[in-house]
Protein backbone atom coordinates (compact mmCIF):
# COMPACT_ATOMS: atom_id res chain seq x y z
CA MET A 1 84.25 104.03 89.26
CA GLY A 2 85.40 104.08 92.24
CA VAL A 3 84.25 107.27 94.60
CA LYS A 4 87.01 108.35 97.20
CA ILE A 5 85.56 109.40 100.38
CA ALA A 6 88.03 111.64 102.58
CA ALA A 7 88.24 109.98 105.85
CA LEU A 8 88.11 112.65 108.45
CA PRO A 9 89.58 112.14 112.03
CA VAL A 10 86.36 111.00 113.67
CA GLN A 11 86.72 111.45 117.58
CA PHE A 12 84.04 109.05 119.72
CA PRO A 13 82.78 110.23 122.55
CA ALA A 14 82.84 107.34 124.25
CA MET A 15 86.89 107.40 123.99
CA ALA A 16 86.91 111.30 125.68
CA ASN A 17 85.01 109.75 128.68
CA LEU A 18 87.01 106.67 128.89
CA SER A 19 90.57 108.68 129.47
CA SER A 20 88.33 111.08 131.86
CA VAL A 21 87.03 108.22 133.55
CA LEU A 22 90.85 106.49 133.81
CA LYS A 23 92.12 109.86 135.09
CA GLN A 24 89.05 109.88 138.01
CA LEU A 25 90.04 106.08 138.70
CA GLU A 26 93.70 107.06 139.36
CA GLN A 27 92.59 110.14 141.15
CA GLU A 28 91.24 107.81 143.53
CA ARG A 29 93.47 105.41 144.02
CA ASN A 30 95.89 107.89 144.98
CA LEU A 31 93.45 108.85 147.77
CA LEU A 32 93.07 105.66 148.93
CA ALA A 33 96.62 104.98 148.91
CA SER A 34 97.47 108.09 150.95
CA GLN A 35 94.58 107.14 153.35
CA LEU A 36 95.93 103.86 153.38
CA LYS A 37 99.59 104.45 154.34
CA SER A 38 98.29 107.40 157.10
CA LEU A 39 96.29 104.30 158.63
CA THR A 40 99.27 101.84 158.62
CA ASN A 41 101.18 104.37 160.09
CA ALA A 42 98.43 105.23 162.91
CA LEU A 43 98.01 101.87 163.61
CA SER A 44 101.70 101.13 163.90
CA ALA A 45 102.15 103.90 166.37
CA LEU A 46 99.55 102.52 168.79
CA ASN A 47 100.50 98.92 168.28
CA GLY A 48 104.37 100.01 169.45
CA THR A 49 105.67 98.31 166.41
CA GLY A 50 107.67 100.41 163.22
CA ASN A 51 110.86 101.82 163.55
CA LYS A 52 112.68 101.30 166.65
CA ARG A 53 115.60 103.07 166.02
CA THR A 54 114.29 106.71 164.99
CA GLY A 55 116.59 109.43 166.28
CA ARG A 56 120.02 107.27 167.05
CA ILE A 57 122.74 108.60 165.34
CA MET A 58 126.48 107.36 165.57
CA SER A 59 129.89 109.54 166.01
CA ALA A 60 132.34 109.20 163.14
CA THR A 61 134.48 107.81 166.65
CA GLY A 62 132.39 105.93 167.67
CA ARG A 63 131.87 104.02 164.16
CA ALA A 64 135.95 104.61 164.12
CA ARG A 65 136.33 102.77 167.50
CA ILE A 66 134.05 100.14 166.54
CA ALA A 67 135.19 98.70 162.68
CA ALA A 68 139.01 99.05 164.80
CA ALA A 69 137.38 96.37 167.18
CA GLN A 70 136.05 94.61 163.78
CA ARG A 71 139.40 94.65 162.59
CA ALA A 72 141.34 93.98 165.45
CA ARG A 73 139.10 90.27 166.28
CA TRP A 74 140.12 89.82 162.43
CA ALA A 75 143.45 89.60 162.88
CA LYS A 76 143.35 87.99 166.29
CA SER A 77 141.46 84.96 164.26
CA LYS A 78 144.42 85.32 161.42
CA GLY A 79 146.52 84.87 164.03
CA LEU A 80 148.58 87.84 162.90
CA LYS A 81 149.92 90.98 164.90
CA VAL A 82 146.51 92.74 166.72
CA VAL A 83 146.82 96.63 166.56
CA SER A 84 145.45 98.05 170.44
CA ILE A 85 142.48 100.04 170.06
CA ALA A 86 142.68 101.96 173.47
CA SER A 87 144.24 104.90 171.53
CA ARG A 88 141.39 107.33 173.01
CA ARG A 89 142.25 109.00 176.70
CA PRO A 90 139.60 110.21 178.92
CA ARG A 91 138.37 113.70 178.76
CA LYS A 92 140.16 115.64 181.19
CA MET A 93 137.76 118.57 182.82
CA SER A 94 138.78 121.81 184.34
CA ALA A 95 138.80 122.48 188.23
CA ALA A 96 136.47 126.06 187.08
CA ALA A 97 134.60 123.68 184.99
CA ILE A 98 133.55 121.60 187.93
CA ALA A 99 132.95 124.24 190.06
CA ARG A 100 130.17 125.80 187.83
CA ILE A 101 128.07 122.31 187.38
CA ARG A 102 128.87 122.19 191.06
CA ALA A 103 127.39 125.36 191.65
CA ALA A 104 124.70 125.27 188.71
CA GLN A 105 123.53 121.75 190.21
CA LYS A 106 122.65 123.80 193.98
CA ALA A 107 121.23 126.31 191.73
CA ARG A 108 118.86 123.86 190.52
CA TRP A 109 118.27 121.75 193.92
CA ALA A 110 117.62 125.00 195.37
CA LYS A 111 114.86 126.47 193.36
CA TRP A 112 113.28 122.66 193.33
CA ARG A 113 113.40 122.90 197.53
CA LYS A 114 112.15 126.50 197.26
CA GLN A 115 108.94 125.47 194.58
CA GLN A 116 108.39 122.65 197.35
CA LYS A 117 107.76 124.36 200.34
CA ASN A 118 105.36 126.72 198.43
CA ALA A 119 103.69 124.16 197.30
């Protein structure tokens, strides 16, 4: 005489509580990690450490000149024909542009002298 008992899915209250505790702990860990990161950044800013090369951008022509110079060094060390890298000619500024720059500079100095005189 076997008595069959229907297996009902039983939700233990401790398991639901455990999952909510785990979620809270993860949130706390994430909060502490972000605070630690900001504290580390503040310390590195005060110590002067960190990435010193921010904002330094090299133009494509500058990179091309460096690459050409390196190729020339390799060719020279291997005994191959060295190709000249000095193909860039200097820029020529027009006389009108130079005159505008001079006039603007003179105006800036005149303004500065006037401010110094009045101060």
